[in-house]
Amino acid sequence: MSSNDYFTKQRDLLLQDITNNLTQVHKNLETLNRSMNESVQIGKEFDDVGRLWSVFYDGMNELKERQLEQNKNASQTHQEEEEDDD
């Protein structure tokens, strides 16, 4: 076997190994892409739920602010009545 034949054989083996590895990388990238797309879809499914909770919390905060304002107004009214009584 000449050194040229040996080189050619080794080169072909390496090229085959590289081809196999690149094929595996390609398959893994496709699997990763599918997984990422599925994750995005699952995330999109939670958008409506997230908006609903956001509306709920906004409403609760608004209610809390109104109650604080009413309590503040009631306290001021009560103080003014006490001052008038004096």
N, C-alpha and C. Protein backbone atom coordinates (compact mmCIF):
# COMPACT_ATOMS: atom_id res chain seq x y z
N MET A 1 0.86 -1.18 0.00
CA MET A 1 0.00 0.00 0.00
C MET A 1 0.90 1.23 0.00
N SER A 2 0.68 2.10 -0.91
CA SER A 2 1.50 3.31 -0.99
C SER A 2 1.00 4.34 0.00
N SER A 3 1.83 5.31 0.27
CA SER A 3 1.44 6.36 1.22
C SER A 3 0.29 7.18 0.67
N ASN A 4 0.20 7.29 -0.65
CA ASN A 4 -0.91 8.00 -1.27
C ASN A 4 -2.23 7.28 -1.03
N ASP A 5 -2.22 5.96 -1.14
CA ASP A 5 -3.44 5.18 -0.87
C ASP A 5 -3.84 5.30 0.61
N TYR A 6 -2.83 5.23 1.46
CA TYR A 6 -3.10 5.36 2.89
C TYR A 6 -3.71 6.73 3.20
N PHE A 7 -3.11 7.77 2.64
CA PHE A 7 -3.62 9.13 2.84
C PHE A 7 -5.06 9.24 2.35
N THR A 8 -5.33 8.70 1.17
CA THR A 8 -6.67 8.77 0.59
C THR A 8 -7.67 8.02 1.48
N LYS A 9 -7.26 6.87 1.95
CA LYS A 9 -8.14 6.08 2.82
C LYS A 9 -8.42 6.83 4.12
N GLN A 10 -7.39 7.38 4.73
CA GLN A 10 -7.57 8.13 5.98
C GLN A 10 -8.41 9.39 5.76
N ARG A 11 -8.17 10.05 4.64
CA ARG A 11 -8.96 11.23 4.30
C ARG A 11 -10.43 10.87 4.14
N ASP A 12 -10.73 9.79 3.45
CA ASP A 12 -12.12 9.36 3.26
C ASP A 12 -12.77 8.99 4.59
N LEU A 13 -12.00 8.33 5.47
CA LEU A 13 -12.53 7.99 6.79
C LEU A 13 -12.84 9.25 7.60
N LEU A 14 -11.96 10.21 7.54
CA LEU A 14 -12.18 11.47 8.27
C LEU A 14 -13.36 12.23 7.69
N LEU A 15 -13.45 12.27 6.36
CA LEU A 15 -14.58 12.95 5.73
C LEU A 15 -15.89 12.27 6.09
N GLN A 16 -15.89 10.95 6.14
CA GLN A 16 -17.10 10.22 6.54
C GLN A 16 -17.46 10.53 7.99
N ASP A 17 -16.45 10.57 8.85
CA ASP A 17 -16.68 10.89 10.26
C ASP A 17 -17.22 12.31 10.41
N ILE A 18 -16.65 13.25 9.67
CA ILE A 18 -17.12 14.64 9.71
C ILE A 18 -18.55 14.72 9.20
N THR A 19 -18.85 14.02 8.13
CA THR A 19 -20.21 14.01 7.57
C THR A 19 -21.20 13.46 8.59
N ASN A 20 -20.83 12.36 9.23
CA ASN A 20 -21.72 11.77 10.25
C ASN A 20 -21.95 12.73 11.40
N ASN A 21 -20.88 13.38 11.86
CA ASN A 21 -21.01 14.33 12.98
C ASN A 21 -21.85 15.54 12.59
N LEU A 22 -21.65 16.05 11.38
CA LEU A 22 -22.45 17.19 10.93
C LEU A 22 -23.92 16.81 10.79
N THR A 23 -24.18 15.59 10.33
CA THR A 23 -25.56 15.11 10.24
C THR A 23 -26.18 15.06 11.62
N GLN A 24 -25.43 14.57 12.60
CA GLN A 24 -25.93 14.51 13.97
C GLN A 24 -26.18 15.91 14.53
N VAL A 25 -25.28 16.84 14.27
CA VAL A 25 -25.45 18.23 14.72
C VAL A 25 -26.71 18.81 14.09
N HIS A 26 -26.92 18.56 12.82
CA HIS A 26 -28.10 19.06 12.12
C HIS A 26 -29.38 18.51 12.75
N LYS A 27 -29.40 17.21 13.04
CA LYS A 27 -30.57 16.60 13.69
C LYS A 27 -30.81 17.21 15.06
N ASN A 28 -29.72 17.43 15.81
CA ASN A 28 -29.85 18.02 17.15
C ASN A 28 -30.36 19.46 17.07
N LEU A 29 -29.91 20.20 16.07
CA LEU A 29 -30.39 21.57 15.90
C LEU A 29 -31.88 21.59 15.53
N GLU A 30 -32.30 20.65 14.71
CA GLU A 30 -33.73 20.56 14.37
C GLU A 30 -34.55 20.23 15.61
N THR A 31 -34.05 19.32 16.44
CA THR A 31 -34.75 18.97 17.68
C THR A 31 -34.82 20.17 18.61
N LEU A 32 -33.72 20.90 18.73
CA LEU A 32 -33.69 22.11 19.56
C LEU A 32 -34.68 23.14 19.04
N ASN A 33 -34.73 23.31 17.74
CA ASN A 33 -35.65 24.27 17.13
C ASN A 33 -37.09 23.91 17.43
N ARG A 34 -37.42 22.63 17.32
CA ARG A 34 -38.79 22.18 17.64
C ARG A 34 -39.11 22.44 19.10
N SER A 35 -38.16 22.14 19.97
CA SER A 35 -38.39 22.35 21.41
C SER A 35 -38.59 23.83 21.72
N MET A 36 -37.80 24.67 21.08
CA MET A 36 -37.94 26.11 21.32
C MET A 36 -39.28 26.61 20.79
N ASN A 37 -39.70 26.13 19.63
CA ASN A 37 -41.00 26.52 19.09
C ASN A 37 -42.13 26.07 20.00
N GLU A 38 -42.02 24.86 20.54
CA GLU A 38 -43.04 24.38 21.49
C GLU A 38 -43.07 25.24 22.75
N SER A 39 -41.89 25.63 23.23
CA SER A 39 -41.83 26.48 24.42
C SER A 39 -42.49 27.83 24.16
N VAL A 40 -42.24 28.39 22.98
CA VAL A 40 -42.86 29.66 22.62
C VAL A 40 -44.37 29.51 22.57
N GLN A 41 -44.85 28.42 21.99
CA GLN A 41 -46.29 28.18 21.91
C GLN A 41 -46.90 28.07 23.30
N ILE A 42 -46.23 27.34 24.18
CA ILE A 42 -46.74 27.20 25.55
C ILE A 42 -46.77 28.57 26.22
N GLY A 43 -45.74 29.37 26.01
CA GLY A 43 -45.71 30.70 26.59
C GLY A 43 -46.84 31.57 26.07
N LYS A 44 -47.15 31.44 24.78
CA LYS A 44 -48.25 32.22 24.20
C LYS A 44 -49.59 31.82 24.81
N GLU A 45 -49.72 30.55 25.18
CA GLU A 45 -50.96 30.08 25.79
C GLU A 45 -51.21 30.75 27.15
N PHE A 46 -50.15 31.20 27.80
CA PHE A 46 -50.28 31.84 29.10
C PHE A 46 -50.50 33.35 29.00
N ASP A 47 -50.44 33.90 27.79
CA ASP A 47 -50.65 35.34 27.62
C ASP A 47 -52.01 35.78 28.15
N ASP A 48 -53.06 35.07 27.76
CA ASP A 48 -54.41 35.45 28.20
C ASP A 48 -54.54 35.34 29.72
N VAL A 49 -53.99 34.29 30.29
CA VAL A 49 -54.05 34.12 31.74
C VAL A 49 -53.28 35.24 32.42
N GLY A 50 -52.12 35.59 31.86
CA GLY A 50 -51.31 36.67 32.43
C GLY A 50 -52.04 38.00 32.37
N ARG A 51 -52.71 38.27 31.25
CA ARG A 51 -53.48 39.52 31.14
C ARG A 51 -54.63 39.54 32.14
N LEU A 52 -55.28 38.40 32.32
CA LEU A 52 -56.38 38.32 33.28
C LEU A 52 -55.89 38.64 34.69
N TRP A 53 -54.76 38.05 35.09
CA TRP A 53 -54.22 38.33 36.42
C TRP A 53 -53.80 39.79 36.53
N SER A 54 -53.26 40.34 35.47
CA SER A 54 -52.87 41.74 35.48
C SER A 54 -54.08 42.64 35.72
N VAL A 55 -55.18 42.37 35.04
CA VAL A 55 -56.41 43.13 35.24
C VAL A 55 -56.90 42.97 36.67
N PHE A 56 -56.82 41.75 37.19
CA PHE A 56 -57.25 41.48 38.57
C PHE A 56 -56.43 42.31 39.55
N TYR A 57 -55.09 42.27 39.42
CA TYR A 57 -54.24 43.01 40.35
C TYR A 57 -54.41 44.52 40.19
N ASP A 58 -54.59 44.98 38.96
CA ASP A 58 -54.83 46.41 38.75
C ASP A 58 -56.13 46.82 39.45
N GLY A 59 -57.15 45.99 39.33
CA GLY A 59 -58.42 46.28 40.00
C GLY A 59 -58.28 46.27 41.51
N MET A 60 -57.52 45.32 42.03
CA MET A 60 -57.32 45.23 43.48
C MET A 60 -56.54 46.46 43.98
N ASN A 61 -55.53 46.88 43.23
CA ASN A 61 -54.76 48.06 43.63
C ASN A 61 -55.63 49.32 43.58
N GLU A 62 -56.47 49.42 42.56
CA GLU A 62 -57.37 50.57 42.47
C GLU A 62 -58.35 50.58 43.63
N LEU A 63 -58.87 49.41 43.99
CA LEU A 63 -59.79 49.31 45.12
C LEU A 63 -59.08 49.70 46.42
N LYS A 64 -57.86 49.26 46.58
CA LYS A 64 -57.10 49.59 47.79
C LYS A 64 -56.86 51.10 47.87
N GLU A 65 -56.52 51.71 46.73
CA GLU A 65 -56.30 53.16 46.70
C GLU A 65 -57.58 53.91 47.05
N ARG A 66 -58.69 53.47 46.53
CA ARG A 66 -59.98 54.12 46.84
C ARG A 66 -60.29 54.01 48.33
N GLN A 67 -60.06 52.83 48.90
CA GLN A 67 -60.33 52.63 50.33
C GLN A 67 -59.43 53.53 51.17
N LEU A 68 -58.15 53.63 50.78
CA LEU A 68 -57.24 54.50 51.52
C LEU A 68 -57.70 55.96 51.43
N GLU A 69 -58.13 56.36 50.24
CA GLU A 69 -58.60 57.72 50.05
C GLU A 69 -59.87 57.97 50.87
N GLN A 70 -60.78 57.01 50.88
CA GLN A 70 -62.01 57.16 51.67
C GLN A 70 -61.68 57.24 53.15
N ASN A 71 -60.76 56.40 53.61
CA ASN A 71 -60.37 56.43 55.02
C ASN A 71 -59.71 57.76 55.37
N LYS A 72 -58.90 58.26 54.45
CA LYS A 72 -58.24 59.54 54.67
C LYS A 72 -59.28 60.66 54.74
N ASN A 73 -60.23 60.66 53.80
CA ASN A 73 -61.28 61.68 53.80
C ASN A 73 -62.15 61.58 55.05
N ALA A 74 -62.46 60.36 55.46
CA ALA A 74 -63.28 60.17 56.67
C ALA A 74 -62.52 60.67 57.89
N SER A 75 -61.23 60.42 57.94
CA SER A 75 -60.42 60.87 59.07
C SER A 75 -60.36 62.39 59.12
N GLN A 76 -60.20 63.02 57.95
CA GLN A 76 -60.15 64.48 57.90
C GLN A 76 -61.49 65.07 58.31
N THR A 77 -62.59 64.46 57.84
CA THR A 77 -63.92 64.94 58.19
C THR A 77 -64.14 64.81 59.70
N HIS A 78 -63.69 63.70 60.26
CA HIS A 78 -63.84 63.47 61.69
C HIS A 78 -63.04 64.50 62.48
N GLN A 79 -61.83 64.81 62.04
CA GLN A 79 -61.01 65.81 62.73
C GLN A 79 -61.64 67.19 62.64
N GLU A 80 -62.19 67.53 61.47
CA GLU A 80 -62.83 68.83 61.31
C GLU A 80 -64.05 68.96 62.22
N GLU A 81 -64.80 67.85 62.36
CA GLU A 81 -65.98 67.88 63.24
C GLU A 81 -65.54 68.07 64.67
N GLU A 82 -64.44 67.44 65.07
CA GLU A 82 -63.97 67.60 66.44
C GLU A 82 -63.50 69.02 66.70
N GLU A 83 -62.85 69.61 65.68
CA GLU A 83 -62.40 71.00 65.84
C GLU A 83 -63.58 71.95 65.94
N ASP A 84 -64.65 71.68 65.19
CA ASP A 84 -65.83 72.52 65.24
C ASP A 84 -66.52 72.40 66.60
N ASP A 85 -66.46 71.21 67.19
CA ASP A 85 -67.10 71.00 68.48
C ASP A 85 -66.35 71.75 69.59
N ASP A 86 -65.08 72.01 69.41
CA ASP A 86 -64.30 72.68 70.44
C ASP A 86 -64.59 74.12 70.43
